[in-house]
């Protein structure tokens, strides 16, 4: 028969299960408000962080676009300046060339004459050397021939 009323339960497994359920119920009742408050605070912090990150991203995109536009403007200005400088240099070159062209032509003519004169002088010197060498060779050959004939007694 089963006893009715309040008594001591000696079954360890059954009593631990009841105690754990009572403990969990008590914890839920006692800490529900504080857990909800801290979770809500944490959610607000995460939401604020996400909003700040999104705002910084938008601001960074605007700055990037401004930087790209500035870079394009600088490139365009640099190209224009280079074109202007090249045109200026062409004009300067043409004016300097037309200004100094007669002097340059005179110098070129003088150099041609000098070079041709030196080549002609060199040619003359070379011809004279060759002629002297030929004469020397001929005279040596003649002397050899003369010495052979005198030794043989023909003279």
Protein backbone atom coordinates (compact mmCIF):
# COMPACT_ATOMS: atom_id res chain seq x y z
CA UNK A 1 0.00 0.00 0.00
CA UNK A 2 1.07 3.47 -0.58
CA UNK A 3 1.31 5.96 2.14
CA UNK A 4 -0.40 9.26 1.73
CA UNK A 5 0.89 12.55 3.02
CA UNK A 6 4.17 14.17 3.55
CA UNK A 7 7.17 11.94 3.89
CA UNK A 8 10.81 11.46 3.06
CA UNK A 9 11.60 10.04 -0.32
CA UNK A 10 14.66 7.87 -0.19
CA UNK A 11 14.99 7.38 -3.97
CA UNK A 12 18.07 9.42 -4.95
CA UNK A 13 17.32 9.61 -8.69
CA UNK A 14 13.79 10.82 -8.16
CA UNK A 15 14.68 13.42 -5.56
CA UNK A 16 17.51 14.92 -7.62
CA UNK A 17 15.21 15.32 -10.60
CA UNK A 18 12.63 17.16 -8.53
CA UNK A 19 15.27 19.37 -6.96
CA UNK A 20 16.75 20.28 -10.35
CA UNK A 21 13.32 21.17 -11.75
CA UNK A 22 12.57 23.33 -8.71
CA UNK A 23 15.95 25.02 -8.99
CA UNK A 24 15.53 25.80 -12.69
CA UNK A 25 12.04 27.20 -12.09
CA UNK A 26 13.34 29.41 -9.28
CA UNK A 27 16.25 30.68 -11.41
CA UNK A 28 13.95 31.48 -14.31
CA UNK A 29 11.56 33.36 -12.06
CA UNK A 30 14.33 35.29 -10.28
CA UNK A 31 16.57 36.23 -13.23
CA UNK A 32 14.16 36.63 -16.14
CA UNK A 33 14.03 40.43 -15.93
CA UNK A 34 17.78 40.92 -15.57
CA UNK A 35 18.56 38.51 -18.46
CA UNK A 36 16.00 40.26 -20.68
CA UNK A 37 17.46 43.65 -19.81
CA UNK A 38 21.04 42.61 -20.54
CA UNK A 39 20.05 40.88 -23.82
CA UNK A 40 18.13 43.97 -24.92
CA UNK A 41 21.12 46.20 -24.05
CA UNK A 42 23.45 43.91 -25.99
CA UNK A 43 21.08 43.93 -28.98
CA UNK A 44 20.99 47.75 -28.96
CA UNK A 45 24.79 47.92 -28.81
CA UNK A 46 25.12 45.55 -31.78
CA UNK A 47 22.50 47.51 -33.73
CA UNK A 48 24.31 50.81 -32.99
CA UNK A 49 27.64 49.29 -34.06
CA UNK A 50 26.11 48.08 -37.33
CA UNK A 51 24.56 51.50 -37.98
CA UNK A 52 27.90 53.24 -37.31
CA UNK A 53 29.70 50.81 -39.61
CA UNK A 54 27.15 51.40 -42.38
CA UNK A 55 27.51 55.19 -41.98
CA UNK A 56 31.32 54.93 -42.11
CA UNK A 57 31.04 52.77 -45.25
CA UNK A 58 28.81 55.33 -46.96
CA UNK A 59 31.19 58.13 -45.96
CA UNK A 60 34.18 56.14 -47.21
CA UNK A 61 32.44 55.55 -50.55
CA UNK A 62 31.80 59.29 -50.94
CA UNK A 63 35.44 60.06 -50.12
CA UNK A 64 36.59 57.40 -52.59
CA UNK A 65 34.44 58.88 -55.36
CA UNK A 66 35.79 62.36 -54.59
CA UNK A 67 39.35 61.04 -54.65
CA UNK A 68 38.78 59.32 -58.00
CA UNK A 69 37.30 62.50 -59.48
CA UNK A 70 40.23 64.53 -58.13
CA UNK A 71 42.68 62.04 -59.59
CA UNK A 72 41.00 62.22 -62.99
CA UNK A 73 41.09 66.03 -62.87
CA UNK A 74 44.77 65.98 -61.95
CA UNK A 75 45.53 63.53 -64.77
CA UNK A 76 43.64 65.67 -67.27
CA UNK A 77 45.49 68.79 -66.12
CA UNK A 78 48.83 66.98 -66.30
CA UNK A 79 48.13 65.80 -69.84
CA UNK A 80 47.08 69.31 -70.86
CA UNK A 81 50.24 70.77 -69.33
CA UNK A 82 52.37 68.19 -71.14
CA UNK A 83 50.70 69.01 -74.45
CA UNK A 84 51.22 72.73 -73.88
CA UNK A 85 54.87 72.19 -72.97
CA UNK A 86 55.44 70.02 -76.05
CA UNK A 87 53.84 72.66 -78.27
CA UNK A 88 55.94 75.35 -76.62
CA UNK A 89 59.11 73.30 -77.15
CA UNK A 90 58.20 72.75 -80.82
CA UNK A 91 57.70 76.45 -81.33
CA UNK A 92 60.98 77.22 -79.56
CA UNK A 93 62.80 74.61 -81.63
CA UNK A 94 61.39 75.98 -84.87
CA UNK A 95 62.25 79.55 -83.96
CA UNK A 96 65.76 78.57 -82.83
CA UNK A 97 66.30 76.49 -85.96
CA UNK A 98 65.22 79.29 -88.27
CA UNK A 99 67.32 81.74 -86.29
CA UNK A 100 70.51 79.66 -86.36
CA UNK A 101 70.00 77.83 -89.65
CA UNK A 102 72.31 80.10 -91.73
CA UNK A 103 75.10 79.73 -89.17
CA UNK A 104 74.66 75.98 -89.01
CA UNK A 105 74.72 75.68 -92.79
CA UNK A 106 77.93 77.73 -92.93
CA UNK A 107 79.50 75.52 -90.26
CA UNK A 108 78.47 72.37 -92.12
CA UNK A 109 79.98 73.68 -95.35
CA UNK A 110 83.19 74.60 -93.57
CA UNK A 111 83.39 71.15 -91.98
CA UNK A 112 82.79 69.46 -95.33
CA UNK A 113 85.54 71.48 -96.91
CA UNK A 114 87.89 70.70 -94.04
CA UNK A 115 87.12 66.98 -94.16
CA UNK A 116 87.40 66.80 -97.93
CA UNK A 117 90.64 68.78 -97.81
CA UNK A 118 92.05 66.39 -95.25
CA UNK A 119 90.99 63.39 -97.32
CA UNK A 120 92.57 64.93 -100.40
CA UNK A 121 95.72 65.64 -98.44
CA UNK A 122 95.67 62.12 -97.07
CA UNK A 123 95.14 60.74 -100.59
CA UNK A 124 98.07 62.76 -101.87
CA UNK A 125 100.25 61.55 -99.02
CA UNK A 126 99.21 57.97 -99.64
CA UNK A 127 99.93 58.24 -103.37
CA UNK A 128 103.33 59.77 -102.67
CA UNK A 129 104.20 56.97 -100.23
CA UNK A 130 103.10 54.34 -102.69
CA UNK A 131 105.08 55.95 -105.49
CA UNK A 132 108.21 56.22 -103.29
CA UNK A 133 107.79 52.63 -102.22
CA UNK A 134 107.45 51.57 -105.86
CA UNK A 135 110.50 53.59 -106.84
CA UNK A 136 112.48 52.10 -103.98
CA UNK A 137 111.43 48.62 -104.95
CA UNK A 138 112.24 49.23 -108.61
CA UNK A 139 115.63 50.67 -107.77
CA UNK A 140 116.37 47.70 -105.51
CA UNK A 141 115.33 45.31 -108.25
CA UNK A 142 117.47 47.20 -110.77
CA UNK A 143 120.43 47.19 -108.39
CA UNK A 144 120.02 43.45 -107.82
CA UNK A 145 119.85 42.85 -111.52
CA UNK A 146 122.89 45.05 -112.09
CA UNK A 147 124.87 43.27 -109.37
CA UNK A 148 124.01 39.87 -110.86
CA UNK A 149 125.09 40.88 -114.30
CA UNK A 150 128.41 42.38 -113.08
CA UNK A 151 129.17 39.26 -111.13
CA UNK A 152 128.58 37.16 -114.14
CA UNK A 153 130.91 39.37 -116.12
CA UNK A 154 128.63 40.71 -118.74
CA UNK A 155 129.64 44.30 -118.35
